Amino acid sequence: MERHPVPGICGWIAAVKGTSADRRRATICGMSTRRLFVAIPLGPAIKAHIKNVGTSIDEGILAREDHGRGRILKFLHESDFHITLNFLGNVPPENVDILSRELPPCLMKIKPFRLHLDVLGTFPEKNMNRTRLFWMGVDGDMEALNDLETRVTDIVNEHAIIPDRKPPKPRETFTPHITIARVAMNAQRRTRVAVYEEVHSFEQTNHDS
């Protein structure tokens, strides 16, 4: 995969963002909440590049004879491409205020760093029969990115931002990525296999070129 630089990632985030599709209200124990995540935004040129990659893969899948029938992929809107640092879920308004207060002073201590787009992948990684989505990874100053993710997660846990979240388990490996598209829930097995094969074929072709 071509290594496309990601400019403007400065190592801090001043806002908590909700997805376009999930800005509807939800309730927890009678409280009005918002479905949110903390993420690194991407610039317009990067989003356009990712969209073009997704379109090429979609066209490749549709050109195959073994992709099955019906709707195959549900693409994220270009404006929603991002690198998730912490998925929060449903958050009460008062906790959104806490995040807005606590995140900026902590994260602004992190020096600017650079990332670039890296390889394509699918999830789950090792079971093509159950392919659910495909994504693009990032590389670059991973030590700084991991530090950023750790700071965000520590703030979320320290202030109990998620009311119904269980006590944190030992930290899992952080795998930064940009989700491009999800496979339709009712997709046939051969459709999921076709998505897996097309994504990895595209990655191999572009990596070798």
C-alpha atoms as a PDB file:
ATOM      1  CA  MET A   1       0.000   0.000   0.000  1.00  0.00           C
ATOM      2  CA  GLU A   2       1.297   3.458  -0.872  1.00  0.00           C
ATOM      3  CA  ARG A   3       2.530   5.297   2.224  1.00  0.00           C
ATOM      4  CA  HIS A   4       0.430   8.427   2.199  1.00  0.00           C
ATOM      5  CA  PRO A   5       1.472  11.051   4.791  1.00  0.00           C
ATOM      6  CA  VAL A   6      -1.094  12.239   7.318  1.00  0.00           C
ATOM      7  CA  PRO A   7      -0.391  15.937   7.976  1.00  0.00           C
ATOM      8  CA  GLY A   8      -1.880  17.980  10.761  1.00  0.00           C
ATOM      9  CA  ILE A   9      -2.016  15.300  13.449  1.00  0.00           C
ATOM     10  CA  CYS A  10      -0.683  17.333  16.343  1.00  0.00           C
ATOM     11  CA  GLY A  11      -0.903  14.916  19.259  1.00  0.00           C
ATOM     12  CA  TRP A  12      -3.838  16.571  21.025  1.00  0.00           C
ATOM     13  CA  ILE A  13      -7.591  16.635  20.809  1.00  0.00           C
ATOM     14  CA  ALA A  14      -9.821  19.396  22.137  1.00  0.00           C
ATOM     15  CA  ALA A  15     -13.205  17.864  21.434  1.00  0.00           C
ATOM     16  CA  VAL A  16     -15.209  14.699  21.792  1.00  0.00           C
ATOM     17  CA  LYS A  17     -16.868  13.697  18.546  1.00  0.00           C
ATOM     18  CA  GLY A  18     -19.961  11.580  17.828  1.00  0.00           C
ATOM     19  CA  THR A  19     -20.553   9.786  14.529  1.00  0.00           C
ATOM     20  CA  SER A  20     -22.929  11.320  12.015  1.00  0.00           C
ATOM     21  CA  ALA A  21     -25.040   8.173  12.066  1.00  0.00           C
ATOM     22  CA  ASP A  22     -25.244   7.972  15.859  1.00  0.00           C
ATOM     23  CA  ARG A  23     -26.068  11.508  16.952  1.00  0.00           C
ATOM     24  CA  ARG A  24     -29.516  10.384  17.967  1.00  0.00           C
ATOM     25  CA  ARG A  25     -30.350  10.489  21.648  1.00  0.00           C
ATOM     26  CA  ALA A  26     -30.253   7.421  23.901  1.00  0.00           C
ATOM     27  CA  THR A  27     -31.088   6.887  27.569  1.00  0.00           C
ATOM     28  CA  ILE A  28     -29.341   5.216  30.495  1.00  0.00           C
ATOM     29  CA  CYS A  29     -31.402   4.959  33.675  1.00  0.00           C
ATOM     30  CA  GLY A  30     -33.587   7.811  32.483  1.00  0.00           C
ATOM     31  CA  MET A  31     -30.664  10.106  31.616  1.00  0.00           C
ATOM     32  CA  SER A  32     -30.300  11.654  28.190  1.00  0.00           C
ATOM     33  CA  THR A  33     -26.986  10.572  26.663  1.00  0.00           C
ATOM     34  CA  ARG A  34     -24.883  10.944  23.522  1.00  0.00           C
ATOM     35  CA  ARG A  35     -23.042   8.175  21.695  1.00  0.00           C
ATOM     36  CA  LEU A  36     -19.451   9.362  21.454  1.00  0.00           C
ATOM     37  CA  PHE A  37     -15.832   8.494  20.857  1.00  0.00           C
ATOM     38  CA  VAL A  38     -12.532  10.333  21.156  1.00  0.00           C
ATOM     39  CA  ALA A  39     -10.637  10.359  17.863  1.00  0.00           C
ATOM     40  CA  ILE A  40      -7.943  11.940  15.734  1.00  0.00           C
ATOM     41  CA  PRO A  41      -9.545  13.760  12.781  1.00  0.00           C
ATOM     42  CA  LEU A  42      -8.066  13.536   9.293  1.00  0.00           C
ATOM     43  CA  GLY A  43      -7.487  16.199   6.661  1.00  0.00           C
ATOM     44  CA  PRO A  44      -9.560  16.465   3.439  1.00  0.00           C
ATOM     45  CA  ALA A  45      -6.803  15.133   1.152  1.00  0.00           C
ATOM     46  CA  ILE A  46      -6.323  12.061   3.337  1.00  0.00           C
ATOM     47  CA  LYS A  47     -10.057  11.379   3.458  1.00  0.00           C
ATOM     48  CA  ALA A  48     -10.303  11.684  -0.323  1.00  0.00           C
ATOM     49  CA  HIS A  49      -7.429   9.218  -0.760  1.00  0.00           C
ATOM     50  CA  ILE A  50      -9.059   6.693   1.579  1.00  0.00           C
ATOM     51  CA  LYS A  51     -12.388   7.089  -0.218  1.00  0.00           C
ATOM     52  CA  ASN A  52     -10.702   6.382  -3.556  1.00  0.00           C
ATOM     53  CA  VAL A  53      -9.131   3.219  -2.161  1.00  0.00           C
ATOM     54  CA  GLY A  54     -12.527   2.072  -0.877  1.00  0.00           C
ATOM     55  CA  THR A  55     -14.158   2.770  -4.238  1.00  0.00           C
ATOM     56  CA  SER A  56     -11.504   0.746  -6.066  1.00  0.00           C
ATOM     57  CA  ILE A  57     -12.030  -2.211  -3.743  1.00  0.00           C
ATOM     58  CA  ASP A  58     -15.816  -1.967  -4.104  1.00  0.00           C
ATOM     59  CA  GLU A  59     -15.512  -2.012  -7.898  1.00  0.00           C
ATOM     60  CA  GLY A  60     -13.199  -5.011  -7.697  1.00  0.00           C
ATOM     61  CA  ILE A  61     -15.683  -6.936  -5.556  1.00  0.00           C
ATOM     62  CA  LEU A  62     -18.606  -6.167  -7.873  1.00  0.00           C
ATOM     63  CA  ALA A  63     -16.561  -7.334 -10.863  1.00  0.00           C
ATOM     64  CA  ARG A  64     -16.103 -10.775  -9.308  1.00  0.00           C
ATOM     65  CA  GLU A  65     -18.488 -13.606 -10.128  1.00  0.00           C
ATOM     66  CA  ASP A  66     -18.366 -15.006  -6.598  1.00  0.00           C
ATOM     67  CA  HIS A  67     -19.423 -11.963  -4.571  1.00  0.00           C
ATOM     68  CA  GLY A  68     -22.980 -13.223  -3.964  1.00  0.00           C
ATOM     69  CA  ARG A  69     -26.092 -11.126  -4.225  1.00  0.00           C
ATOM     70  CA  GLY A  70     -27.627  -8.138  -2.524  1.00  0.00           C
ATOM     71  CA  ARG A  71     -26.025  -5.237  -0.747  1.00  0.00           C
ATOM     72  CA  ILE A  72     -22.386  -5.906   0.071  1.00  0.00           C
ATOM     73  CA  LEU A  73     -20.653  -2.968   1.732  1.00  0.00           C
ATOM     74  CA  LYS A  74     -21.771  -0.052   3.867  1.00  0.00           C
ATOM     75  CA  PHE A  75     -19.148   2.681   3.565  1.00  0.00           C
ATOM     76  CA  LEU A  76     -18.492   5.264   6.231  1.00  0.00           C
ATOM     77  CA  HIS A  77     -19.142   8.759   4.980  1.00  0.00           C
ATOM     78  CA  GLU A  78     -15.919  10.455   3.962  1.00  0.00           C
ATOM     79  CA  SER A  79     -16.392  13.070   6.700  1.00  0.00           C
ATOM     80  CA  ASP A  80     -16.433  10.322   9.348  1.00  0.00           C
ATOM     81  CA  PHE A  81     -13.008   8.806   8.601  1.00  0.00           C
ATOM     82  CA  HIS A  82     -10.913   9.009  11.788  1.00  0.00           C
ATOM     83  CA  ILE A  83      -8.484   7.168  14.067  1.00  0.00           C
ATOM     84  CA  THR A  84     -10.355   6.113  17.200  1.00  0.00           C
ATOM     85  CA  LEU A  85      -8.495   6.555  20.485  1.00  0.00           C
ATOM     86  CA  ASN A  86     -11.313   5.505  22.807  1.00  0.00           C
ATOM     87  CA  PHE A  87     -14.863   4.434  22.007  1.00  0.00           C
ATOM     88  CA  LEU A  88     -17.042   5.774  24.804  1.00  0.00           C
ATOM     89  CA  GLY A  89     -20.551   4.683  23.886  1.00  0.00           C
ATOM     90  CA  ASN A  90     -23.476   6.414  25.608  1.00  0.00           C
ATOM     91  CA  VAL A  91     -22.248   9.293  27.771  1.00  0.00           C
ATOM     92  CA  PRO A  92     -24.356  11.543  30.067  1.00  0.00           C
ATOM     93  CA  PRO A  93     -24.098  15.307  29.373  1.00  0.00           C
ATOM     94  CA  GLU A  94     -22.307  16.052  32.645  1.00  0.00           C
ATOM     95  CA  ASN A  95     -19.581  13.553  31.750  1.00  0.00           C
ATOM     96  CA  VAL A  96     -19.163  15.143  28.337  1.00  0.00           C
ATOM     97  CA  ASP A  97     -18.468  18.365  30.237  1.00  0.00           C
ATOM     98  CA  ILE A  98     -15.836  16.563  32.322  1.00  0.00           C
ATOM     99  CA  LEU A  99     -14.107  15.284  29.196  1.00  0.00           C
ATOM    100  CA  SER A 100     -14.190  18.707  27.579  1.00  0.00           C
ATOM    101  CA  ARG A 101     -12.515  20.112  30.693  1.00  0.00           C
ATOM    102  CA  GLU A 102      -9.982  17.357  31.405  1.00  0.00           C
ATOM    103  CA  LEU A 103      -8.780  16.336  27.943  1.00  0.00           C
ATOM    104  CA  PRO A 104      -7.312  19.567  26.494  1.00  0.00           C
ATOM    105  CA  PRO A 105      -4.836  20.500  29.275  1.00  0.00           C
ATOM    106  CA  CYS A 106      -3.536  16.950  29.458  1.00  0.00           C
ATOM    107  CA  LEU A 107      -3.232  16.296  25.744  1.00  0.00           C
ATOM    108  CA  MET A 108      -1.736  19.678  24.880  1.00  0.00           C
ATOM    109  CA  LYS A 109       1.401  18.556  26.727  1.00  0.00           C
ATOM    110  CA  ILE A 110       2.073  16.075  23.924  1.00  0.00           C
ATOM    111  CA  LYS A 111       4.392  17.374  21.223  1.00  0.00           C
ATOM    112  CA  PRO A 112       3.236  17.297  17.582  1.00  0.00           C
ATOM    113  CA  PHE A 113       3.953  14.042  15.766  1.00  0.00           C
ATOM    114  CA  ARG A 114       3.460  12.573  12.307  1.00  0.00           C
ATOM    115  CA  LEU A 115       1.731   9.467  11.025  1.00  0.00           C
ATOM    116  CA  HIS A 116       1.194   8.045   7.562  1.00  0.00           C
ATOM    117  CA  LEU A 117      -1.300   5.660   6.030  1.00  0.00           C
ATOM    118  CA  ASP A 118      -0.138   2.056   5.935  1.00  0.00           C
ATOM    119  CA  VAL A 119      -1.493  -1.383   5.011  1.00  0.00           C
ATOM    120  CA  LEU A 120      -5.089  -2.472   4.445  1.00  0.00           C
ATOM    121  CA  GLY A 121      -6.645  -5.168   6.593  1.00  0.00           C
ATOM    122  CA  THR A 122      -9.871  -6.987   7.401  1.00  0.00           C
ATOM    123  CA  PHE A 123     -11.610  -7.913  10.642  1.00  0.00           C
ATOM    124  CA  PRO A 124     -11.571 -10.575  11.887  1.00  0.00           C
ATOM    125  CA  GLU A 125      -8.061 -10.937  10.557  1.00  0.00           C
ATOM    126  CA  LYS A 126      -7.782 -14.712  10.257  1.00  0.00           C
ATOM    127  CA  ASN A 127     -11.302 -15.877   9.377  1.00  0.00           C
ATOM    128  CA  MET A 128     -12.319 -14.852   5.862  1.00  0.00           C
ATOM    129  CA  ASN A 129     -15.700 -16.559   6.262  1.00  0.00           C
ATOM    130  CA  ARG A 130     -16.671 -14.019   8.935  1.00  0.00           C
ATOM    131  CA  THR A 131     -15.247 -10.831   7.422  1.00  0.00           C
ATOM    132  CA  ARG A 132     -17.135  -7.891   8.965  1.00  0.00           C
ATOM    133  CA  LEU A 133     -15.221  -4.813   7.819  1.00  0.00           C
ATOM    134  CA  PHE A 134     -12.055  -3.563   6.204  1.00  0.00           C
ATOM    135  CA  TRP A 135      -9.731  -0.828   7.383  1.00  0.00           C
ATOM    136  CA  MET A 136      -6.516   1.059   6.691  1.00  0.00           C
ATOM    137  CA  GLY A 137      -3.732   1.058   9.245  1.00  0.00           C
ATOM    138  CA  VAL A 138      -1.335   3.839  10.180  1.00  0.00           C
ATOM    139  CA  ASP A 139       2.382   3.924  10.907  1.00  0.00           C
ATOM    140  CA  GLY A 140       4.943   6.540  11.868  1.00  0.00           C
ATOM    141  CA  ASP A 141       5.600   7.851  15.375  1.00  0.00           C
ATOM    142  CA  MET A 142       3.750   5.016  17.089  1.00  0.00           C
ATOM    143  CA  GLU A 143       5.312   5.701  20.489  1.00  0.00           C
ATOM    144  CA  ALA A 144       3.701   9.148  20.531  1.00  0.00           C
ATOM    145  CA  LEU A 145       0.387   7.758  19.274  1.00  0.00           C
ATOM    146  CA  ASN A 146       0.367   5.063  21.962  1.00  0.00           C
ATOM    147  CA  ASP A 147       1.124   7.704  24.592  1.00  0.00           C
ATOM    148  CA  LEU A 148      -1.806   9.762  23.336  1.00  0.00           C
ATOM    149  CA  GLU A 149      -4.152   6.765  23.505  1.00  0.00           C
ATOM    150  CA  THR A 150      -2.943   5.942  27.026  1.00  0.00           C
ATOM    151  CA  ARG A 151      -3.583   9.481  28.266  1.00  0.00           C
ATOM    152  CA  VAL A 152      -7.105   9.506  26.826  1.00  0.00           C
ATOM    153  CA  THR A 153      -7.934   6.081  28.275  1.00  0.00           C
ATOM    154  CA  ASP A 154      -6.558   7.025  31.700  1.00  0.00           C
ATOM    155  CA  ILE A 155      -8.758  10.135  31.809  1.00  0.00           C
ATOM    156  CA  VAL A 156     -11.835   8.145  30.759  1.00  0.00           C
ATOM    157  CA  ASN A 157     -11.196   5.541  33.467  1.00  0.00           C
ATOM    158  CA  GLU A 158     -10.127   7.988  36.184  1.00  0.00           C
ATOM    159  CA  HIS A 159     -13.298  10.055  35.895  1.00  0.00           C
ATOM    160  CA  ALA A 160     -15.668   7.104  35.336  1.00  0.00           C
ATOM    161  CA  ILE A 161     -16.926   8.694  32.128  1.00  0.00           C
ATOM    162  CA  ILE A 162     -18.956   5.610  31.195  1.00  0.00           C
ATOM    163  CA  PRO A 163     -21.509   4.914  33.988  1.00  0.00           C
ATOM    164  CA  ASP A 164     -22.103   1.250  33.119  1.00  0.00           C
ATOM    165  CA  ARG A 165     -18.530   0.368  32.144  1.00  0.00           C
ATOM    166  CA  LYS A 166     -16.949  -2.366  34.235  1.00  0.00           C
ATOM    167  CA  PRO A 167     -13.618  -1.706  35.998  1.00  0.00           C
ATOM    168  CA  PRO A 168     -10.827  -1.553  33.418  1.00  0.00           C
ATOM    169  CA  LYS A 169      -9.084  -4.809  32.573  1.00  0.00           C
ATOM    170  CA  PRO A 170      -5.350  -5.025  31.868  1.00  0.00           C
ATOM    171  CA  ARG A 171      -4.720  -2.810  28.850  1.00  0.00           C
ATOM    172  CA  GLU A 172      -5.131  -4.565  25.517  1.00  0.00           C
ATOM    173  CA  THR A 173      -2.894  -3.864  22.542  1.00  0.00           C
ATOM    174  CA  PHE A 174      -3.934  -0.655  20.790  1.00  0.00           C
ATOM    175  CA  THR A 175      -4.306  -1.218  17.038  1.00  0.00           C
ATOM    176  CA  PRO A 176      -4.819   2.186  15.407  1.00  0.00           C
ATOM    177  CA  HIS A 177      -6.772   2.040  12.167  1.00  0.00           C
ATOM    178  CA  ILE A 178      -9.321   3.830  10.000  1.00  0.00           C
ATOM    179  CA  THR A 179     -12.497   1.854   9.312  1.00  0.00           C
ATOM    180  CA  ILE A 180     -13.473   2.238   5.650  1.00  0.00           C
ATOM    181  CA  ALA A 181     -16.517   0.000   5.194  1.00  0.00           C
ATOM    182  CA  ARG A 182     -18.548  -2.700   6.929  1.00  0.00           C
ATOM    183  CA  VAL A 183     -19.947  -5.826   5.323  1.00  0.00           C
ATOM    184  CA  ALA A 184     -23.743  -6.050   5.272  1.00  0.00           C
ATOM    185  CA  MET A 185     -25.155  -7.954   8.256  1.00  0.00           C
ATOM    186  CA  ASN A 186     -27.032 -10.400   6.010  1.00  0.00           C
ATOM    187  CA  ALA A 187     -24.121 -10.974   3.617  1.00  0.00           C
ATOM    188  CA  GLN A 188     -23.543 -14.529   2.448  1.00  0.00           C
ATOM    189  CA  ARG A 189     -20.385 -16.392   3.390  1.00  0.00           C
ATOM    190  CA  ARG A 190     -19.046 -16.206  -0.177  1.00  0.00           C
ATOM    191  CA  THR A 191     -19.607 -12.446  -0.110  1.00  0.00           C
ATOM    192  CA  ARG A 192     -17.484 -12.123   3.022  1.00  0.00           C
ATOM    193  CA  VAL A 193     -14.788 -14.264   1.427  1.00  0.00           C
ATOM    194  CA  ALA A 194     -14.893 -12.085  -1.710  1.00  0.00           C
ATOM    195  CA  VAL A 195     -14.405  -8.939   0.391  1.00  0.00           C
ATOM    196  CA  TYR A 196     -11.489 -10.526   2.242  1.00  0.00           C
ATOM    197  CA  GLU A 197      -9.793 -11.685  -0.943  1.00  0.00           C
ATOM    198  CA  GLU A 198     -10.302  -8.397  -2.798  1.00  0.00           C
ATOM    199  CA  VAL A 199      -8.939  -6.284   0.067  1.00  0.00           C
ATOM    200  CA  HIS A 200      -5.833  -8.418   0.465  1.00  0.00           C
ATOM    201  CA  SER A 201      -5.330  -8.687  -3.298  1.00  0.00           C
ATOM    202  CA  PHE A 202      -5.540  -4.893  -3.618  1.00  0.00           C
ATOM    203  CA  GLU A 203      -3.075  -4.470  -0.758  1.00  0.00           C
ATOM    204  CA  GLN A 204      -0.608  -6.952  -2.239  1.00  0.00           C
ATOM    205  CA  THR A 205      -0.814  -5.427  -5.726  1.00  0.00           C
ATOM    206  CA  ASN A 206      -0.267  -1.873  -4.507  1.00  0.00           C
ATOM    207  CA  HIS A 207       2.418  -2.885  -2.018  1.00  0.00           C
ATOM    208  CA  ASP A 208       4.431  -4.588  -4.753  1.00  0.00           C
ATOM    209  CA  SER A 209       4.013  -1.809  -7.300  1.00  0.00           C
END
